[in-house]
C-alpha atoms as a PDB file:
ATOM      1  CA  MET A   1      96.480 118.806 152.907  1.00  0.00           C
ATOM      2  CA  LYS A   2      96.528 116.598 155.994  1.00  0.00           C
ATOM      3  CA  SER A   3      99.732 114.880 157.065  1.00  0.00           C
ATOM      4  CA  VAL A   4     100.392 112.409 159.857  1.00  0.00           C
ATOM      5  CA  VAL A   5     103.867 112.255 161.408  1.00  0.00           C
ATOM      6  CA  THR A   6     104.755 109.212 163.506  1.00  0.00           C
ATOM      7  CA  GLY A   7     107.591 109.844 165.930  1.00  0.00           C
ATOM      8  CA  ALA A   8     106.544 113.504 166.017  1.00  0.00           C
ATOM      9  CA  ALA A   9     108.125 114.134 169.430  1.00  0.00           C
ATOM     10  CA  GLY A  10     111.524 112.979 168.227  1.00  0.00           C
ATOM     11  CA  PHE A  11     114.426 114.924 166.773  1.00  0.00           C
ATOM     12  CA  ILE A  12     113.616 114.826 163.053  1.00  0.00           C
ATOM     13  CA  GLY A  13     109.886 114.304 163.564  1.00  0.00           C
ATOM     14  CA  SER A  14     109.442 117.543 165.486  1.00  0.00           C
ATOM     15  CA  HIS A  15     111.340 119.538 162.853  1.00  0.00           C
ATOM     16  CA  LEU A  16     109.297 117.898 160.103  1.00  0.00           C
ATOM     17  CA  SER A  17     106.036 118.717 161.886  1.00  0.00           C
ATOM     18  CA  GLU A  18     107.005 122.380 162.151  1.00  0.00           C
ATOM     19  CA  ARG A  19     107.957 122.500 158.486  1.00  0.00           C
ATOM     20  CA  LEU A  20     104.619 121.026 157.404  1.00  0.00           C
ATOM     21  CA  LEU A  21     102.715 123.477 159.604  1.00  0.00           C
ATOM     22  CA  ALA A  22     104.704 126.368 158.113  1.00  0.00           C
ATOM     23  CA  ASP A  23     103.626 125.092 154.695  1.00  0.00           C
ATOM     24  CA  GLY A  24      99.989 125.473 155.729  1.00  0.00           C
ATOM     25  CA  GLN A  25      99.219 121.809 156.302  1.00  0.00           C
ATOM     26  CA  GLU A  26      97.082 120.203 158.964  1.00  0.00           C
ATOM     27  CA  VAL A  27      99.347 117.904 160.973  1.00  0.00           C
ATOM     28  CA  VAL A  28      98.561 115.030 163.317  1.00  0.00           C
ATOM     29  CA  GLY A  29     101.546 113.992 165.416  1.00  0.00           C
ATOM     30  CA  ILE A  30     101.798 110.496 166.871  1.00  0.00           C
ATOM     31  CA  ASP A  31     104.304 109.373 169.503  1.00  0.00           C
ATOM     32  CA  CYS A  32     104.322 106.923 172.410  1.00  0.00           C
ATOM     33  CA  PHE A  33     107.239 108.483 174.327  1.00  0.00           C
ATOM     34  CA  THR A  34     109.410 105.398 174.638  1.00  0.00           C
ATOM     35  CA  ASP A  35     111.940 105.687 177.466  1.00  0.00           C
ATOM     36  CA  TYR A  36     115.017 105.707 175.215  1.00  0.00           C
ATOM     37  CA  TYR A  37     115.625 109.209 176.536  1.00  0.00           C
ATOM     38  CA  ARG A  38     113.728 111.542 178.860  1.00  0.00           C
ATOM     39  CA  ARG A  39     110.107 112.307 178.076  1.00  0.00           C
ATOM     40  CA  ALA A  40     110.592 115.918 179.181  1.00  0.00           C
ATOM     41  CA  ARG A  41     113.039 116.424 176.362  1.00  0.00           C
ATOM     42  CA  LYS A  42     110.565 115.055 173.821  1.00  0.00           C
ATOM     43  CA  GLU A  43     107.790 117.226 175.230  1.00  0.00           C
ATOM     44  CA  LYS A  44     110.102 120.205 174.758  1.00  0.00           C
ATOM     45  CA  ASN A  45     110.577 119.188 171.121  1.00  0.00           C
ATOM     46  CA  LEU A  46     106.823 119.517 170.604  1.00  0.00           C
ATOM     47  CA  GLU A  47     106.405 123.003 172.071  1.00  0.00           C
ATOM     48  CA  VAL A  48     106.411 124.934 168.801  1.00  0.00           C
ATOM     49  CA  ALA A  49     104.127 122.501 166.977  1.00  0.00           C
ATOM     50  CA  ARG A  50     101.664 122.341 169.865  1.00  0.00           C
ATOM     51  CA  SER A  51     101.294 126.109 169.819  1.00  0.00           C
ATOM     52  CA  HIS A  52      99.973 125.925 166.246  1.00  0.00           C
ATOM     53  CA  ARG A  53      96.202 125.757 165.630  1.00  0.00           C
ATOM     54  CA  ASN A  54      96.609 123.187 162.836  1.00  0.00           C
ATOM     55  CA  PHE A  55      98.473 120.665 164.986  1.00  0.00           C
ATOM     56  CA  SER A  56      96.931 117.892 167.026  1.00  0.00           C
ATOM     57  CA  PHE A  57      98.721 115.177 168.954  1.00  0.00           C
ATOM     58  CA  GLU A  58      97.901 111.565 169.751  1.00  0.00           C
ATOM     59  CA  GLU A  59      99.882 109.548 172.290  1.00  0.00           C
ATOM     60  CA  LEU A  60      99.675 106.120 170.692  1.00  0.00           C
ATOM     61  CA  ASP A  61     101.791 102.989 170.408  1.00  0.00           C
ATOM     62  CA  LEU A  62     101.735 101.830 166.782  1.00  0.00           C
ATOM     63  CA  VAL A  63     101.950  98.180 167.773  1.00  0.00           C
ATOM     64  CA  ASP A  64      98.722  97.883 169.727  1.00  0.00           C
ATOM     65  CA  ALA A  65      96.755 101.117 169.270  1.00  0.00           C
ATOM     66  CA  ASP A  66      93.705 101.652 167.094  1.00  0.00           C
ATOM     67  CA  LEU A  67      95.012 104.219 164.611  1.00  0.00           C
ATOM     68  CA  THR A  68      91.759 104.661 162.703  1.00  0.00           C
ATOM     69  CA  ALA A  69      90.873 108.105 164.033  1.00  0.00           C
ATOM     70  CA  ALA A  70      94.426 109.456 163.841  1.00  0.00           C
ATOM     71  CA  LEU A  71      94.847 108.347 160.223  1.00  0.00           C
ATOM     72  CA  GLU A  72      91.391 109.332 159.011  1.00  0.00           C
ATOM     73  CA  GLY A  73      91.553 111.642 156.001  1.00  0.00           C
ATOM     74  CA  ALA A  74      95.350 111.631 155.834  1.00  0.00           C
ATOM     75  CA  ASP A  75      96.866 112.558 152.494  1.00  0.00           C
ATOM     76  CA  VAL A  76     100.449 111.749 153.518  1.00  0.00           C
ATOM     77  CA  VAL A  77     101.893 109.661 156.346  1.00  0.00           C
ATOM     78  CA  TYR A  78     105.503 110.274 157.322  1.00  0.00           C
ATOM     79  CA  HIS A  79     106.641 107.225 159.279  1.00  0.00           C
ATOM     80  CA  LEU A  80     109.585 108.317 161.427  1.00  0.00           C
ATOM     81  CA  ALA A  81     108.747 106.407 164.622  1.00  0.00           C
ATOM     82  CA  GLY A  82     111.132 103.655 165.666  1.00  0.00           C
ATOM     83  CA  GLN A  83     113.906 102.588 167.991  1.00  0.00           C
ATOM     84  CA  GLU A  84     117.187 104.177 166.982  1.00  0.00           C
ATOM     85  CA  GLY A  85     120.857 103.467 167.628  1.00  0.00           C
ATOM     86  CA  ASP A  86     123.335 100.905 166.318  1.00  0.00           C
ATOM     87  CA  ARG A  87     125.333 100.215 169.485  1.00  0.00           C
ATOM     88  CA  PRO A  88     122.486  99.398 171.920  1.00  0.00           C
ATOM     89  CA  SER A  89     120.721  97.032 169.514  1.00  0.00           C
ATOM     90  CA  TRP A  90     122.646  93.908 170.502  1.00  0.00           C
ATOM     91  CA  GLY A  91     121.643  91.257 173.043  1.00  0.00           C
ATOM     92  CA  HIS A  92     118.350  91.447 174.938  1.00  0.00           C
ATOM     93  CA  GLN A  93     117.646  94.939 173.544  1.00  0.00           C
ATOM     94  CA  PHE A  94     116.929  93.399 170.148  1.00  0.00           C
ATOM     95  CA  ASP A  95     113.377  92.602 171.250  1.00  0.00           C
ATOM     96  CA  ARG A  96     112.663  96.321 171.496  1.00  0.00           C
ATOM     97  CA  TYR A  97     114.178  97.015 168.075  1.00  0.00           C
ATOM     98  CA  ALA A  98     112.181  94.240 166.442  1.00  0.00           C
ATOM     99  CA  ARG A  99     108.990  95.478 168.080  1.00  0.00           C
ATOM    100  CA  ASP A 100     109.389  99.208 167.482  1.00  0.00           C
ATOM    101  CA  ASN A 101     110.909  99.039 163.988  1.00  0.00           C
ATOM    102  CA  ILE A 102     109.484  95.932 162.324  1.00  0.00           C
ATOM    103  CA  ILE A 103     106.219  95.093 164.063  1.00  0.00           C
ATOM    104  CA  ALA A 104     105.173  98.729 164.467  1.00  0.00           C
ATOM    105  CA  THR A 105     105.748  99.328 160.757  1.00  0.00           C
ATOM    106  CA  GLN A 106     103.732  96.240 159.811  1.00  0.00           C
ATOM    107  CA  ARG A 107     100.834  97.326 162.034  1.00  0.00           C
ATOM    108  CA  LEU A 108     100.838 100.805 160.474  1.00  0.00           C
ATOM    109  CA  LEU A 109     100.858  99.339 156.970  1.00  0.00           C
ATOM    110  CA  GLU A 110      97.924  97.101 157.853  1.00  0.00           C
ATOM    111  CA  GLN A 111      95.970 100.134 159.029  1.00  0.00           C
ATOM    112  CA  LEU A 112      96.685 101.919 155.745  1.00  0.00           C
ATOM    113  CA  LYS A 113      95.396  99.127 153.494  1.00  0.00           C
ATOM    114  CA  GLY A 114      92.372 100.303 151.566  1.00  0.00           C
ATOM    115  CA  SER A 115      92.891 103.971 152.450  1.00  0.00           C
ATOM    116  CA  ARG A 116      93.012 106.831 149.962  1.00  0.00           C
ATOM    117  CA  LEU A 117      96.516 107.750 151.021  1.00  0.00           C
ATOM    118  CA  LYS A 118      98.526 109.687 148.454  1.00  0.00           C
ATOM    119  CA  ARG A 119     101.938 108.834 149.894  1.00  0.00           C
ATOM    120  CA  LEU A 120     103.695 107.014 152.713  1.00  0.00           C
ATOM    121  CA  VAL A 121     107.237 108.247 153.321  1.00  0.00           C
ATOM    122  CA  PHE A 122     109.283 105.757 155.307  1.00  0.00           C
ATOM    123  CA  ALA A 123     112.296 107.066 157.207  1.00  0.00           C
ATOM    124  CA  GLY A 124     115.071 104.580 156.558  1.00  0.00           C
ATOM    125  CA  SER A 125     118.713 104.627 157.576  1.00  0.00           C
ATOM    126  CA  SER A 126     122.175 104.495 156.045  1.00  0.00           C
ATOM    127  CA  SER A 127     122.820 101.696 158.552  1.00  0.00           C
ATOM    128  CA  VAL A 128     121.301  99.279 156.031  1.00  0.00           C
ATOM    129  CA  TYR A 129     124.489  99.560 153.942  1.00  0.00           C
ATOM    130  CA  GLY A 130     126.878  98.464 156.705  1.00  0.00           C
ATOM    131  CA  ASP A 131     130.455  98.454 155.428  1.00  0.00           C
ATOM    132  CA  ALA A 132     129.627  99.357 151.860  1.00  0.00           C
ATOM    133  CA  GLU A 133     131.987  98.250 149.112  1.00  0.00           C
ATOM    134  CA  ALA A 134     131.975 101.594 147.279  1.00  0.00           C
ATOM    135  CA  PHE A 135     131.832 105.282 148.175  1.00  0.00           C
ATOM    136  CA  PRO A 136     129.821 107.293 147.625  1.00  0.00           C
ATOM    137  CA  THR A 137     127.278 104.521 148.068  1.00  0.00           C
ATOM    138  CA  ARG A 138     124.381 104.324 145.647  1.00  0.00           C
ATOM    139  CA  GLU A 139     120.891 103.129 146.488  1.00  0.00           C
ATOM    140  CA  SER A 140     121.488 100.118 144.234  1.00  0.00           C
ATOM    141  CA  ALA A 141     124.309  98.832 146.483  1.00  0.00           C
ATOM    142  CA  LEU A 142     123.634  95.486 148.155  1.00  0.00           C
ATOM    143  CA  PRO A 143     122.509  96.196 151.748  1.00  0.00           C
ATOM    144  CA  ARG A 144     124.706  94.441 154.303  1.00  0.00           C
ATOM    145  CA  PRO A 145     123.916  95.798 157.780  1.00  0.00           C
ATOM    146  CA  VAL A 146     126.544  95.299 160.476  1.00  0.00           C
ATOM    147  CA  SER A 147     124.209  95.972 163.418  1.00  0.00           C
ATOM    148  CA  PRO A 148     120.882  94.489 164.532  1.00  0.00           C
ATOM    149  CA  TYR A 149     119.436  98.006 164.255  1.00  0.00           C
ATOM    150  CA  GLY A 150     120.364  98.107 160.586  1.00  0.00           C
ATOM    151  CA  VAL A 151     118.732  94.710 160.078  1.00  0.00           C
ATOM    152  CA  THR A 152     115.448  95.943 161.562  1.00  0.00           C
ATOM    153  CA  LYS A 153     115.461  99.135 159.480  1.00  0.00           C
ATOM    154  CA  LEU A 154     116.058  97.141 156.318  1.00  0.00           C
ATOM    155  CA  ALA A 155     113.266  94.716 157.230  1.00  0.00           C
ATOM    156  CA  ALA A 156     110.843  97.583 157.816  1.00  0.00           C
ATOM    157  CA  GLU A 157     111.821  99.170 154.504  1.00  0.00           C
ATOM    158  CA  HIS A 158     111.166  95.873 152.719  1.00  0.00           C
ATOM    159  CA  LEU A 159     107.776  95.623 154.413  1.00  0.00           C
ATOM    160  CA  ALA A 160     106.805  99.032 153.031  1.00  0.00           C
ATOM    161  CA  HIS A 161     107.681  97.886 149.524  1.00  0.00           C
ATOM    162  CA  LEU A 162     105.790  94.621 149.997  1.00  0.00           C
ATOM    163  CA  TYR A 163     102.654  96.566 150.851  1.00  0.00           C
ATOM    164  CA  THR A 164     103.198  98.798 147.824  1.00  0.00           C
ATOM    165  CA  ARG A 165     103.416  95.801 145.537  1.00  0.00           C
ATOM    166  CA  ASN A 166     100.589  93.778 147.034  1.00  0.00           C
ATOM    167  CA  PHE A 167      98.141  96.362 148.345  1.00  0.00           C
ATOM    168  CA  GLY A 168      98.942  99.526 146.422  1.00  0.00           C
ATOM    169  CA  ILE A 169     100.144 101.584 149.368  1.00  0.00           C
ATOM    170  CA  PRO A 170     102.126 104.402 147.674  1.00  0.00           C
ATOM    171  CA  ALA A 171     105.322 104.114 149.709  1.00  0.00           C
ATOM    172  CA  VAL A 172     108.741 105.659 149.183  1.00  0.00           C
ATOM    173  CA  ALA A 173     111.787 105.349 151.458  1.00  0.00           C
ATOM    174  CA  VAL A 174     114.445 107.897 152.348  1.00  0.00           C
ATOM    175  CA  ARG A 175     117.687 106.720 153.925  1.00  0.00           C
ATOM    176  CA  TYR A 176     119.070 109.320 156.322  1.00  0.00           C
ATOM    177  CA  PHE A 177     122.824 109.695 156.726  1.00  0.00           C
ATOM    178  CA  THR A 178     123.691 110.840 160.292  1.00  0.00           C
ATOM    179  CA  VAL A 179     121.318 113.743 160.787  1.00  0.00           C
ATOM    180  CA  TYR A 180     122.398 116.467 163.219  1.00  0.00           C
ATOM    181  CA  GLY A 181     121.238 119.879 164.416  1.00  0.00           C
ATOM    182  CA  PRO A 182     119.202 121.419 167.274  1.00  0.00           C
ATOM    183  CA  ARG A 183     117.273 118.811 169.325  1.00  0.00           C
ATOM    184  CA  GLN A 184     119.531 115.961 168.187  1.00  0.00           C
ATOM    185  CA  ARG A 185     119.047 112.852 170.297  1.00  0.00           C
ATOM    186  CA  PRO A 186     121.352 112.876 173.347  1.00  0.00           C
ATOM    187  CA  ASP A 187     122.932 109.541 172.409  1.00  0.00           C
ATOM    188  CA  MET A 188     124.169 110.779 169.023  1.00  0.00           C
ATOM    189  CA  ALA A 189     127.774 111.843 168.476  1.00  0.00           C
ATOM    190  CA  PHE A 190     127.425 115.608 168.049  1.00  0.00           C
ATOM    191  CA  ALA A 191     125.066 115.874 171.027  1.00  0.00           C
ATOM    192  CA  ARG A 192     127.444 113.835 173.191  1.00  0.00           C
ATOM    193  CA  PHE A 193     130.499 115.746 172.020  1.00  0.00           C
ATOM    194  CA  MET A 194     128.950 119.156 172.597  1.00  0.00           C
ATOM    195  CA  GLN A 195     127.447 118.271 175.971  1.00  0.00           C
ATOM    196  CA  ALA A 196     130.751 116.912 177.250  1.00  0.00           C
ATOM    197  CA  LEU A 197     132.639 119.961 176.001  1.00  0.00           C
ATOM    198  CA  ALA A 198     130.159 122.356 177.609  1.00  0.00           C
ATOM    199  CA  ASP A 199     130.416 120.429 180.902  1.00  0.00           C
ATOM    200  CA  GLY A 200     134.207 120.421 180.824  1.00  0.00           C
ATOM    201  CA  GLU A 201     134.304 116.643 180.526  1.00  0.00           C
ATOM    202  CA  PRO A 202     136.430 114.528 178.188  1.00  0.00           C
ATOM    203  CA  ILE A 203     134.808 113.537 174.901  1.00  0.00           C
ATOM    204  CA  GLU A 204     134.509 109.804 174.347  1.00  0.00           C
ATOM    205  CA  VAL A 205     135.722 108.769 170.902  1.00  0.00           C
ATOM    206  CA  TYR A 206     135.167 105.216 169.704  1.00  0.00           C
ATOM    207  CA  GLY A 207     138.177 103.952 167.770  1.00  0.00           C
ATOM    208  CA  ASP A 208     140.917 106.163 166.323  1.00  0.00           C
ATOM    209  CA  GLY A 209     138.653 108.944 165.059  1.00  0.00           C
ATOM    210  CA  GLU A 210     139.629 108.335 161.447  1.00  0.00           C
ATOM    211  CA  GLN A 211     136.308 106.685 160.680  1.00  0.00           C
ATOM    212  CA  THR A 212     134.258 108.833 158.312  1.00  0.00           C
ATOM    213  CA  ARG A 213     130.601 109.752 158.315  1.00  0.00           C
ATOM    214  CA  GLU A 214     128.243 111.554 155.983  1.00  0.00           C
ATOM    215  CA  PHE A 215     126.619 114.243 158.135  1.00  0.00           C
ATOM    216  CA  THR A 216     123.276 115.793 157.143  1.00  0.00           C
ATOM    217  CA  TYR A 217     121.789 118.910 158.702  1.00  0.00           C
ATOM    218  CA  VAL A 218     118.236 118.423 159.922  1.00  0.00           C
ATOM    219  CA  SER A 219     116.596 121.048 157.689  1.00  0.00           C
ATOM    220  CA  ASP A 220     118.146 119.358 154.650  1.00  0.00           C
ATOM    221  CA  ALA A 221     116.856 115.962 155.779  1.00  0.00           C
ATOM    222  CA  VAL A 222     113.389 117.442 156.292  1.00  0.00           C
ATOM    223  CA  GLU A 223     113.437 119.093 152.864  1.00  0.00           C
ATOM    224  CA  GLY A 224     114.253 115.808 151.149  1.00  0.00           C
ATOM    225  CA  THR A 225     111.574 114.011 153.148  1.00  0.00           C
ATOM    226  CA  VAL A 226     108.914 116.541 152.138  1.00  0.00           C
ATOM    227  CA  LYS A 227     109.929 116.374 148.472  1.00  0.00           C
ATOM    228  CA  ALA A 228     109.622 112.582 148.548  1.00  0.00           C
ATOM    229  CA  ALA A 229     105.948 113.011 149.413  1.00  0.00           C
ATOM    230  CA  SER A 230     105.025 114.777 146.182  1.00  0.00           C
ATOM    231  CA  ALA A 231     107.404 113.617 143.430  1.00  0.00           C
ATOM    232  CA  ASP A 232     106.458 110.757 141.109  1.00  0.00           C
ATOM    233  CA  VAL A 233     108.675 108.229 142.901  1.00  0.00           C
ATOM    234  CA  VAL A 234     106.433 105.552 144.451  1.00  0.00           C
ATOM    235  CA  GLY A 235     108.367 102.389 145.214  1.00  0.00           C
ATOM    236  CA  MET A 236     111.777 104.076 145.119  1.00  0.00           C
ATOM    237  CA  VAL A 237     114.525 104.549 147.723  1.00  0.00           C
ATOM    238  CA  PHE A 238     116.592 107.718 148.128  1.00  0.00           C
ATOM    239  CA  ASN A 239     119.776 108.554 150.010  1.00  0.00           C
ATOM    240  CA  LEU A 240     119.617 111.851 151.897  1.00  0.00           C
ATOM    241  CA  GLY A 241     123.176 112.873 152.749  1.00  0.00           C
ATOM    242  CA  GLY A 242     124.858 116.155 153.528  1.00  0.00           C
ATOM    243  CA  GLY A 243     127.013 116.154 150.423  1.00  0.00           C
ATOM    244  CA  SER A 244     130.388 115.529 152.056  1.00  0.00           C
ATOM    245  CA  ARG A 245     132.150 112.891 154.138  1.00  0.00           C
ATOM    246  CA  VAL A 246     134.562 113.782 156.974  1.00  0.00           C
ATOM    247  CA  THR A 247     136.433 112.041 159.773  1.00  0.00           C
ATOM    248  CA  VAL A 248     135.383 112.226 163.394  1.00  0.00           C
ATOM    249  CA  ASN A 249     138.747 113.875 164.097  1.00  0.00           C
ATOM    250  CA  LYS A 250     137.847 116.639 161.648  1.00  0.00           C
ATOM    251  CA  VAL A 251     134.513 117.082 163.397  1.00  0.00           C
ATOM    252  CA  LEU A 252     136.275 117.545 166.732  1.00  0.00           C
ATOM    253  CA  ALA A 253     138.704 120.061 165.262  1.00  0.00           C
ATOM    254  CA  THR A 254     135.781 122.033 163.841  1.00  0.00           C
ATOM    255  CA  LEU A 255     134.013 121.932 167.200  1.00  0.00           C
ATOM    256  CA  GLU A 256     137.089 123.399 168.887  1.00  0.00           C
ATOM    257  CA  GLU A 257     137.082 126.261 166.393  1.00  0.00           C
ATOM    258  CA  ILE A 258     133.369 126.951 166.824  1.00  0.00           C
ATOM    259  CA  SER A 259     133.367 126.802 170.617  1.00  0.00           C
ATOM    260  CA  ASP A 260     136.811 128.332 171.207  1.00  0.00           C
ATOM    261  CA  LEU A 261     137.325 125.588 173.795  1.00  0.00           C
ATOM    262  CA  LYS A 262     140.002 122.911 174.031  1.00  0.00           C
ATOM    263  CA  ILE A 263     138.774 119.342 173.717  1.00  0.00           C
ATOM    264  CA  ARG A 264     140.001 116.538 175.961  1.00  0.00           C
ATOM    265  CA  ARG A 265     139.570 113.070 174.486  1.00  0.00           C
ATOM    266  CA  GLU A 266     138.979 109.655 175.946  1.00  0.00           C
ATOM    267  CA  ASN A 267     139.584 107.030 173.302  1.00  0.00           C
ATOM    268  CA  LEU A 268     137.516 103.866 173.577  1.00  0.00           C
ATOM    269  CA  PRO A 269     137.645 100.647 171.545  1.00  0.00           C
ATOM    270  CA  ALA A 270     135.711 100.670 168.290  1.00  0.00           C
ATOM    271  CA  ALA A 271     132.143  99.546 168.947  1.00  0.00           C
ATOM    272  CA  PRO A 272     130.607  96.486 167.276  1.00  0.00           C
ATOM    273  CA  GLY A 273     127.982  97.493 164.742  1.00  0.00           C
ATOM    274  CA  ASP A 274     129.702 100.742 163.771  1.00  0.00           C
ATOM    275  CA  PRO A 275     130.651 100.824 160.074  1.00  0.00           C
ATOM    276  CA  ARG A 276     134.104 102.195 159.384  1.00  0.00           C
ATOM    277  CA  HIS A 277     132.841 104.595 156.733  1.00  0.00           C
ATOM    278  CA  THR A 278     129.571 105.952 155.383  1.00  0.00           C
ATOM    279  CA  GLY A 279     129.115 108.111 152.318  1.00  0.00           C
ATOM    280  CA  ALA A 280     126.040 108.890 150.248  1.00  0.00           C
ATOM    281  CA  SER A 281     125.602 109.191 146.536  1.00  0.00           C
ATOM    282  CA  ILE A 282     122.797 111.754 146.286  1.00  0.00           C
ATOM    283  CA  ASN A 283     122.547 111.922 142.505  1.00  0.00           C
ATOM    284  CA  LEU A 284     119.219 110.089 142.456  1.00  0.00           C
ATOM    285  CA  ALA A 285     117.666 112.548 144.917  1.00  0.00           C
ATOM    286  CA  ARG A 286     119.001 115.420 142.838  1.00  0.00           C
ATOM    287  CA  GLU A 287     117.510 114.003 139.658  1.00  0.00           C
ATOM    288  CA  ARG A 288     114.143 112.701 140.859  1.00  0.00           C
ATOM    289  CA  LEU A 289     113.376 114.913 143.859  1.00  0.00           C
ATOM    290  CA  GLY A 290     115.097 118.119 142.792  1.00  0.00           C
ATOM    291  CA  TRP A 291     116.788 118.063 146.197  1.00  0.00           C
ATOM    292  CA  GLU A 292     120.175 119.409 147.209  1.00  0.00           C
ATOM    293  CA  PRO A 293     121.702 119.749 150.693  1.00  0.00           C
ATOM    294  CA  ARG A 294     122.253 123.416 151.510  1.00  0.00           C
ATOM    295  CA  VAL A 295     123.768 123.574 154.997  1.00  0.00           C
ATOM    296  CA  ALA A 296     127.534 123.034 155.217  1.00  0.00           C
ATOM    297  CA  LEU A 297     128.942 121.063 158.152  1.00  0.00           C
ATOM    298  CA  ARG A 298     130.567 123.997 159.946  1.00  0.00           C
ATOM    299  CA  GLU A 299     127.428 126.131 159.626  1.00  0.00           C
ATOM    300  CA  GLY A 300     125.210 123.336 160.893  1.00  0.00           C
ATOM    301  CA  MET A 301     127.503 122.518 163.817  1.00  0.00           C
ATOM    302  CA  ALA A 302     127.541 126.191 164.794  1.00  0.00           C
ATOM    303  CA  LYS A 303     123.734 126.212 164.861  1.00  0.00           C
ATOM    304  CA  GLN A 304     123.637 123.132 167.054  1.00  0.00           C
ATOM    305  CA  TRP A 305     126.256 124.570 169.421  1.00  0.00           C
ATOM    306  CA  GLU A 306     124.317 127.853 169.643  1.00  0.00           C
ATOM    307  CA  TRP A 307     121.124 125.935 170.394  1.00  0.00           C
ATOM    308  CA  LEU A 308     122.841 123.962 173.162  1.00  0.00           C
ATOM    309  CA  GLN A 309     124.147 127.144 174.759  1.00  0.00           C
ATOM    310  CA  ALA A 310     120.671 128.694 174.600  1.00  0.00           C
ATOM    311  CA  THR A 311     119.026 125.686 176.245  1.00  0.00           C
ATOM    312  CA  ARG A 312     121.666 125.597 178.985  1.00  0.00           C
ATOM    313  CA  GLN A 313     120.863 129.212 179.736  1.00  0.00           C
ATOM    314  CA  GLY A 314     117.204 128.328 180.141  1.00  0.00           C
ATOM    315  CA  LYS A 315     116.002 129.946 176.940  1.00  0.00           C
ATOM    316  CA  SER A 316     113.373 128.451 174.670  1.00  0.00           C
ATOM    317  CA  ALA A 317     114.423 125.439 172.624  1.00  0.00           C
ATOM    318  CA  SER A 318     113.037 127.281 169.600  1.00  0.00           C
ATOM    319  CA  VAL A 319     115.547 130.128 169.946  1.00  0.00           C
ATOM    320  CA  VAL A 320     117.647 128.801 167.065  1.00  0.00           C
ATOM    321  CA  ARG A 321     115.639 128.327 163.889  1.00  0.00           C
ATOM    322  CA  ASP A 322     116.693 126.543 160.752  1.00  0.00           C
END
């Protein structure tokens, strides 16, 4: 089995690559190292995969690169590459989001036309729901993004389905709900909270902290993504959520317990593009993928905190395993 992972140097992509290698697959990783955060950090993400004999890496930009060689013989393509983040997607930054999320996806789909691909798994986002009308939110809910990022992720997801309908590309989409764990992107909440706490700095909290999020540990997200590649679910969309919804204030209280440190807060105005609540109905993934989240929030946060402490002490980023 040969799999291609776009965005392989990223947070989820690097974990997914390692999982596929552990399963005995041949893996080709693709990444272009956009400057959203430091390249050195992304290179560190790849250390474990690069040490494996069945892993090869291609530094390619999906928009303008010839992907023929990288995609040759692929059984499954996991498309995780893209520009992330709700808050920065406004204003002049939208050009980057449109390029890296919409155009890059369209170019990849064009390259896959006529191939013998068994499955394309598109990494979507809960941001497509915006301020959903019902919780937990089902996949059948009308998408109403409240950020430009969410708009681009929804557009890319629709493109994948267009190519399924018109060209037979066997695509399926998984919508991640706030994935966390070791190697989490530095702009994401848990990474920011933990870094500030470790540095003795106040933690910036947008709004009153009573907004709720569905948090999903990275190994659970990876498991659902892998299952989507083999189940009979072409053309479908699946929520991948952690199985519970909690407030940001509860997250901070849990972090204090785990770290045995006192948190200082700096409250900031609520940011445009941030939904007040997110919550996933995961019944469809249970039924069609046989998937269930297994890592509870406290356990997952403890693993991420332990990983941060290990990296600050100069130990290998692979010290904490899932």
